[in-house]
N, C-alpha and C. Protein backbone atom coordinates (compact mmCIF):
# COMPACT_ATOMS: atom_id res chain seq x y z
N UNK A 1 1.03 8.88 9.15
CA UNK A 1 0.21 8.69 7.96
C UNK A 1 0.04 7.20 7.67
N UNK A 2 1.08 6.43 7.85
CA UNK A 2 1.02 5.00 7.55
C UNK A 2 -0.01 4.29 8.44
N UNK A 3 -0.08 4.68 9.71
CA UNK A 3 -1.03 4.05 10.63
C UNK A 3 -2.47 4.37 10.23
N UNK A 4 -2.72 5.63 9.85
CA UNK A 4 -4.06 6.01 9.43
C UNK A 4 -4.46 5.27 8.16
N UNK A 5 -3.53 5.14 7.23
CA UNK A 5 -3.81 4.42 5.99
C UNK A 5 -4.11 2.95 6.28
N UNK A 6 -3.40 2.36 7.24
CA UNK A 6 -3.65 0.96 7.60
C UNK A 6 -5.04 0.81 8.21
N UNK A 7 -5.45 1.76 9.05
CA UNK A 7 -6.79 1.71 9.63
C UNK A 7 -7.86 1.87 8.57
N UNK A 8 -7.64 2.80 7.64
CA UNK A 8 -8.58 2.99 6.55
C UNK A 8 -8.68 1.73 5.70
N UNK A 9 -7.56 1.11 5.44
CA UNK A 9 -7.53 -0.12 4.66
C UNK A 9 -8.33 -1.21 5.36
N UNK A 10 -8.10 -1.39 6.65
CA UNK A 10 -8.83 -2.42 7.40
C UNK A 10 -10.32 -2.14 7.43
N UNK A 11 -10.69 -0.89 7.60
CA UNK A 11 -12.11 -0.53 7.65
C UNK A 11 -12.79 -0.81 6.31
N UNK A 12 -12.13 -0.48 5.22
CA UNK A 12 -12.75 -0.71 3.91
C UNK A 12 -12.85 -2.20 3.59
N UNK A 13 -11.89 -3.00 4.07
CA UNK A 13 -11.97 -4.45 3.90
C UNK A 13 -13.15 -4.99 4.71
N UNK A 14 -13.34 -4.48 5.93
CA UNK A 14 -14.46 -4.91 6.76
C UNK A 14 -15.79 -4.61 6.07
N UNK A 15 -15.93 -3.43 5.51
CA UNK A 15 -17.17 -3.07 4.81
C UNK A 15 -17.42 -4.05 3.66
N UNK A 16 -16.40 -4.32 2.87
CA UNK A 16 -16.57 -5.23 1.73
C UNK A 16 -16.91 -6.64 2.20
N UNK A 17 -16.26 -7.10 3.27
CA UNK A 17 -16.55 -8.44 3.81
C UNK A 17 -17.99 -8.53 4.29
N UNK A 18 -18.48 -7.49 4.95
CA UNK A 18 -19.87 -7.50 5.40
C UNK A 18 -20.84 -7.48 4.22
N UNK A 19 -20.48 -6.76 3.17
CA UNK A 19 -21.32 -6.76 1.97
C UNK A 19 -21.38 -8.15 1.36
N UNK A 20 -20.23 -8.81 1.26
CA UNK A 20 -20.18 -10.15 0.67
C UNK A 20 -20.85 -11.19 1.56
N UNK A 21 -20.88 -10.93 2.88
CA UNK A 21 -21.53 -11.85 3.82
C UNK A 21 -23.03 -11.58 3.91
N UNK A 22 -23.53 -10.74 3.05
CA UNK A 22 -24.96 -10.40 3.02
C UNK A 22 -25.44 -9.83 4.36
N UNK A 23 -24.64 -8.89 4.86
CA UNK A 23 -24.96 -8.15 6.09
C UNK A 23 -25.08 -6.66 5.73
N UNK A 24 -26.11 -6.30 4.96
CA UNK A 24 -26.18 -4.94 4.43
C UNK A 24 -26.30 -3.86 5.50
N UNK A 25 -27.01 -4.13 6.59
CA UNK A 25 -27.18 -3.11 7.62
C UNK A 25 -25.85 -2.80 8.32
N UNK A 26 -25.13 -3.87 8.68
CA UNK A 26 -23.82 -3.67 9.32
C UNK A 26 -22.85 -3.02 8.35
N UNK A 27 -22.87 -3.46 7.10
CA UNK A 27 -21.98 -2.87 6.09
C UNK A 27 -22.29 -1.38 5.93
N UNK A 28 -23.55 -1.04 5.88
CA UNK A 28 -23.94 0.37 5.71
C UNK A 28 -23.51 1.21 6.90
N UNK A 29 -23.61 0.64 8.10
CA UNK A 29 -23.22 1.38 9.30
C UNK A 29 -21.72 1.71 9.26
N UNK A 30 -20.91 0.72 8.98
CA UNK A 30 -19.46 0.96 8.91
C UNK A 30 -19.09 1.80 7.70
N UNK A 31 -19.84 1.63 6.63
CA UNK A 31 -19.59 2.39 5.41
C UNK A 31 -19.80 3.88 5.66
N UNK A 32 -20.85 4.23 6.38
CA UNK A 32 -21.11 5.63 6.72
C UNK A 32 -19.95 6.23 7.52
N UNK A 33 -19.52 5.49 8.53
CA UNK A 33 -18.41 5.97 9.36
C UNK A 33 -17.14 6.11 8.51
N UNK A 34 -16.90 5.12 7.67
CA UNK A 34 -15.73 5.16 6.80
C UNK A 34 -15.74 6.42 5.94
N UNK A 35 -16.87 6.71 5.32
CA UNK A 35 -16.98 7.91 4.48
C UNK A 35 -16.80 9.19 5.26
N UNK A 36 -17.37 9.25 6.47
CA UNK A 36 -17.26 10.46 7.29
C UNK A 36 -15.83 10.71 7.76
N UNK A 37 -15.10 9.65 8.03
CA UNK A 37 -13.73 9.79 8.55
C UNK A 37 -12.71 9.88 7.42
N UNK A 38 -12.85 9.00 6.44
CA UNK A 38 -11.83 8.91 5.39
C UNK A 38 -11.79 10.14 4.49
N UNK A 39 -12.95 10.65 4.12
CA UNK A 39 -12.98 11.80 3.21
C UNK A 39 -12.17 12.98 3.70
N UNK A 40 -12.48 13.49 4.89
CA UNK A 40 -11.70 14.64 5.39
C UNK A 40 -10.22 14.32 5.59
N UNK A 41 -9.94 13.11 6.07
CA UNK A 41 -8.53 12.76 6.30
C UNK A 41 -7.76 12.71 4.98
N UNK A 42 -8.34 12.07 3.97
CA UNK A 42 -7.64 11.97 2.68
C UNK A 42 -7.52 13.32 1.99
N UNK A 43 -8.46 14.22 2.25
CA UNK A 43 -8.39 15.55 1.64
C UNK A 43 -7.16 16.32 2.12
N UNK A 44 -6.74 16.08 3.35
CA UNK A 44 -5.58 16.80 3.87
C UNK A 44 -4.30 15.98 3.85
N UNK A 45 -4.40 14.69 3.52
CA UNK A 45 -3.21 13.83 3.48
C UNK A 45 -2.34 14.23 2.30
N UNK A 46 -1.08 13.94 2.39
CA UNK A 46 -0.15 14.23 1.30
C UNK A 46 -0.36 13.31 0.11
N UNK A 47 0.68 13.17 -0.67
CA UNK A 47 0.60 12.31 -1.84
C UNK A 47 1.63 11.20 -1.72
N UNK A 48 1.16 9.99 -1.94
CA UNK A 48 2.03 8.82 -2.00
C UNK A 48 1.25 7.75 -2.72
N UNK A 49 1.92 6.69 -3.08
CA UNK A 49 1.23 5.59 -3.76
C UNK A 49 0.10 5.04 -2.88
N UNK A 50 0.37 4.89 -1.59
CA UNK A 50 -0.63 4.35 -0.66
C UNK A 50 -1.82 5.29 -0.52
N UNK A 51 -1.56 6.57 -0.39
CA UNK A 51 -2.63 7.55 -0.23
C UNK A 51 -3.47 7.62 -1.50
N UNK A 52 -2.84 7.60 -2.66
CA UNK A 52 -3.59 7.66 -3.92
C UNK A 52 -4.46 6.41 -4.09
N UNK A 53 -3.94 5.25 -3.68
CA UNK A 53 -4.74 4.02 -3.74
C UNK A 53 -5.95 4.15 -2.80
N UNK A 54 -5.72 4.69 -1.62
CA UNK A 54 -6.82 4.91 -0.67
C UNK A 54 -7.85 5.87 -1.26
N UNK A 55 -7.39 6.88 -1.96
CA UNK A 55 -8.32 7.82 -2.60
C UNK A 55 -9.13 7.13 -3.69
N UNK A 56 -8.51 6.18 -4.39
CA UNK A 56 -9.26 5.40 -5.38
C UNK A 56 -10.37 4.60 -4.71
N UNK A 57 -10.05 3.99 -3.58
CA UNK A 57 -11.06 3.22 -2.85
C UNK A 57 -12.18 4.13 -2.35
N UNK A 58 -11.83 5.33 -1.91
CA UNK A 58 -12.85 6.26 -1.45
C UNK A 58 -13.73 6.71 -2.63
N UNK A 59 -13.13 6.90 -3.78
CA UNK A 59 -13.93 7.25 -4.97
C UNK A 59 -14.93 6.14 -5.27
N UNK A 60 -14.51 4.89 -5.14
CA UNK A 60 -15.45 3.78 -5.34
C UNK A 60 -16.53 3.79 -4.27
N UNK A 61 -16.15 4.14 -3.06
CA UNK A 61 -17.11 4.27 -1.96
C UNK A 61 -18.20 5.26 -2.35
N UNK A 62 -17.80 6.30 -3.09
CA UNK A 62 -18.74 7.33 -3.54
C UNK A 62 -19.35 7.01 -4.91
N UNK A 63 -19.16 5.78 -5.38
CA UNK A 63 -19.68 5.32 -6.68
C UNK A 63 -19.14 6.14 -7.85
N UNK A 64 -17.89 6.56 -7.76
CA UNK A 64 -17.24 7.35 -8.79
C UNK A 64 -16.19 6.50 -9.49
N UNK A 65 -16.63 5.72 -10.47
CA UNK A 65 -15.71 4.82 -11.20
C UNK A 65 -14.60 5.60 -11.91
N UNK A 66 -14.98 6.66 -12.60
CA UNK A 66 -13.98 7.44 -13.34
C UNK A 66 -12.96 8.04 -12.38
N UNK A 67 -13.42 8.55 -11.25
CA UNK A 67 -12.51 9.10 -10.25
C UNK A 67 -11.60 8.04 -9.68
N UNK A 68 -12.14 6.84 -9.45
CA UNK A 68 -11.33 5.74 -8.92
C UNK A 68 -10.23 5.36 -9.91
N UNK A 69 -10.58 5.27 -11.18
CA UNK A 69 -9.59 4.92 -12.19
C UNK A 69 -8.52 6.00 -12.31
N UNK A 70 -8.92 7.26 -12.22
CA UNK A 70 -7.94 8.36 -12.26
C UNK A 70 -7.02 8.28 -11.05
N UNK A 71 -7.56 7.97 -9.88
CA UNK A 71 -6.74 7.86 -8.67
C UNK A 71 -5.79 6.67 -8.77
N UNK A 72 -6.23 5.58 -9.36
CA UNK A 72 -5.33 4.43 -9.55
C UNK A 72 -4.18 4.81 -10.46
N UNK A 73 -4.46 5.61 -11.47
CA UNK A 73 -3.37 6.09 -12.34
C UNK A 73 -2.41 6.97 -11.54
N UNK A 74 -2.94 7.83 -10.68
CA UNK A 74 -2.09 8.67 -9.83
C UNK A 74 -1.26 7.81 -8.88
N UNK A 75 -1.88 6.75 -8.36
CA UNK A 75 -1.14 5.83 -7.47
C UNK A 75 0.02 5.21 -8.25
N UNK A 76 -0.23 4.78 -9.47
CA UNK A 76 0.83 4.22 -10.32
C UNK A 76 1.93 5.27 -10.54
N UNK A 77 1.53 6.48 -10.87
CA UNK A 77 2.50 7.55 -11.12
C UNK A 77 3.34 7.84 -9.87
N UNK A 78 2.75 7.59 -8.69
CA UNK A 78 3.45 7.82 -7.42
C UNK A 78 4.27 6.61 -6.98
N UNK A 79 4.26 5.54 -7.79
CA UNK A 79 5.10 4.38 -7.49
C UNK A 79 4.36 3.11 -7.11
N UNK A 80 3.04 3.10 -7.17
CA UNK A 80 2.27 1.91 -6.84
C UNK A 80 2.57 0.81 -7.86
N UNK A 81 3.01 -0.35 -7.37
CA UNK A 81 3.31 -1.47 -8.26
C UNK A 81 2.77 -2.78 -7.69
N UNK A 82 1.74 -2.74 -6.88
CA UNK A 82 1.17 -3.95 -6.28
C UNK A 82 0.09 -4.52 -7.21
N UNK A 83 0.56 -5.16 -8.24
CA UNK A 83 -0.35 -5.69 -9.25
C UNK A 83 -1.36 -6.66 -8.66
N UNK A 84 -0.95 -7.43 -7.67
CA UNK A 84 -1.86 -8.40 -7.06
C UNK A 84 -3.09 -7.70 -6.48
N UNK A 85 -2.93 -6.48 -5.97
CA UNK A 85 -4.09 -5.75 -5.47
C UNK A 85 -5.02 -5.38 -6.61
N UNK A 86 -4.45 -4.91 -7.71
CA UNK A 86 -5.30 -4.57 -8.86
C UNK A 86 -6.08 -5.78 -9.35
N UNK A 87 -5.44 -6.93 -9.31
CA UNK A 87 -6.06 -8.13 -9.85
C UNK A 87 -7.00 -8.84 -8.88
N UNK A 88 -6.79 -8.66 -7.57
CA UNK A 88 -7.52 -9.49 -6.61
C UNK A 88 -8.23 -8.75 -5.48
N UNK A 89 -8.00 -7.47 -5.31
CA UNK A 89 -8.63 -6.73 -4.22
C UNK A 89 -10.14 -6.71 -4.45
N UNK A 90 -10.94 -7.30 -3.56
CA UNK A 90 -12.39 -7.34 -3.78
C UNK A 90 -13.02 -5.95 -3.75
N UNK A 91 -12.35 -4.98 -3.18
CA UNK A 91 -12.90 -3.63 -3.15
C UNK A 91 -12.87 -2.98 -4.53
N UNK A 92 -12.08 -3.54 -5.45
CA UNK A 92 -12.02 -3.02 -6.81
C UNK A 92 -12.99 -3.72 -7.75
N UNK A 93 -13.83 -4.57 -7.21
CA UNK A 93 -14.78 -5.33 -8.02
C UNK A 93 -15.59 -4.46 -8.99
N UNK A 94 -16.04 -3.27 -8.58
CA UNK A 94 -16.79 -2.44 -9.54
C UNK A 94 -16.00 -2.02 -10.77
N UNK A 95 -14.68 -2.23 -10.74
CA UNK A 95 -13.84 -1.82 -11.87
C UNK A 95 -13.36 -2.99 -12.71
N UNK A 96 -13.77 -4.20 -12.37
CA UNK A 96 -13.23 -5.39 -13.06
C UNK A 96 -13.41 -5.34 -14.57
N UNK A 97 -14.48 -4.72 -15.05
CA UNK A 97 -14.72 -4.68 -16.50
C UNK A 97 -14.11 -3.45 -17.17
N UNK A 98 -13.38 -2.63 -16.39
CA UNK A 98 -12.81 -1.40 -16.95
C UNK A 98 -11.50 -1.71 -17.69
N UNK A 99 -11.43 -1.36 -18.97
CA UNK A 99 -10.19 -1.59 -19.72
C UNK A 99 -9.00 -0.86 -19.11
N UNK A 100 -9.24 0.28 -18.47
CA UNK A 100 -8.15 1.04 -17.86
C UNK A 100 -7.48 0.24 -16.74
N UNK A 101 -8.28 -0.49 -15.97
CA UNK A 101 -7.72 -1.32 -14.89
C UNK A 101 -6.87 -2.44 -15.48
N UNK A 102 -7.37 -3.07 -16.53
CA UNK A 102 -6.63 -4.15 -17.19
C UNK A 102 -5.31 -3.62 -17.77
N UNK A 103 -5.36 -2.44 -18.39
CA UNK A 103 -4.14 -1.85 -18.97
C UNK A 103 -3.11 -1.53 -17.88
N UNK A 104 -3.58 -1.00 -16.76
CA UNK A 104 -2.66 -0.67 -15.67
C UNK A 104 -2.02 -1.94 -15.11
N UNK A 105 -2.81 -2.98 -14.94
CA UNK A 105 -2.28 -4.26 -14.45
C UNK A 105 -1.25 -4.83 -15.43
N UNK A 106 -1.56 -4.76 -16.72
CA UNK A 106 -0.63 -5.24 -17.75
C UNK A 106 0.67 -4.44 -17.75
N UNK A 107 0.54 -3.12 -17.59
CA UNK A 107 1.73 -2.26 -17.58
C UNK A 107 2.65 -2.65 -16.43
N UNK A 108 2.07 -2.87 -15.25
CA UNK A 108 2.88 -3.28 -14.10
C UNK A 108 3.49 -4.65 -14.37
N UNK A 109 2.71 -5.57 -14.92
CA UNK A 109 3.24 -6.90 -15.25
C UNK A 109 4.38 -6.83 -16.24
N UNK A 110 4.25 -5.96 -17.25
CA UNK A 110 5.31 -5.80 -18.23
C UNK A 110 6.58 -5.23 -17.59
N UNK A 111 6.40 -4.27 -16.68
CA UNK A 111 7.56 -3.71 -15.99
C UNK A 111 8.26 -4.78 -15.17
N UNK A 112 7.49 -5.58 -14.46
CA UNK A 112 8.08 -6.65 -13.65
C UNK A 112 8.80 -7.67 -14.52
N UNK A 113 8.20 -8.01 -15.65
CA UNK A 113 8.85 -8.96 -16.56
C UNK A 113 10.16 -8.38 -17.09
N UNK A 114 10.16 -7.09 -17.40
CA UNK A 114 11.39 -6.44 -17.85
C UNK A 114 12.47 -6.44 -16.78
N UNK A 115 12.07 -6.21 -15.55
CA UNK A 115 13.03 -6.26 -14.44
C UNK A 115 13.60 -7.66 -14.26
N UNK A 116 12.74 -8.67 -14.37
CA UNK A 116 13.22 -10.06 -14.25
C UNK A 116 14.22 -10.37 -15.34
N UNK A 117 13.93 -9.96 -16.58
CA UNK A 117 14.85 -10.19 -17.68
C UNK A 117 16.18 -9.48 -17.46
N UNK A 118 16.09 -8.26 -16.98
CA UNK A 118 17.30 -7.49 -16.70
C UNK A 118 18.16 -8.16 -15.63
N UNK A 119 17.51 -8.64 -14.59
CA UNK A 119 18.26 -9.33 -13.53
C UNK A 119 18.83 -10.66 -14.00
N UNK A 120 18.08 -11.36 -14.83
CA UNK A 120 18.56 -12.65 -15.34
C UNK A 120 19.76 -12.46 -16.26
N UNK A 121 19.82 -11.34 -16.97
CA UNK A 121 20.92 -11.07 -17.89
C UNK A 121 22.21 -10.73 -17.16
N UNK A 122 22.13 -10.42 -15.89
CA UNK A 122 23.34 -10.06 -15.12
C UNK A 122 24.05 -11.27 -14.73
């Protein structure tokens, strides 16, 4: 499962890079393949923080902002704590103005700050 998730991750980064490089035809070609392969695979994949994050990216691929935000919450519930991805992943650009994304990032930041304080107190 980890290898498939890594391939899906690389493919979605490639699509976003081609979009940003103003290569719409190439981006669309890879985007189609990504959707055809990722959808069925993620439908049968189990549940983990990585898989839920991948499902959020696929929801964005399908222009489903609400679904993507719900999947990000599921990723958090499954243990996702990579705040840097929430804040900087270019694939999440369609969600930058979503208050739910900001709240999730803040929640992770608050948890990390609490852990730092706890460790410093020892």
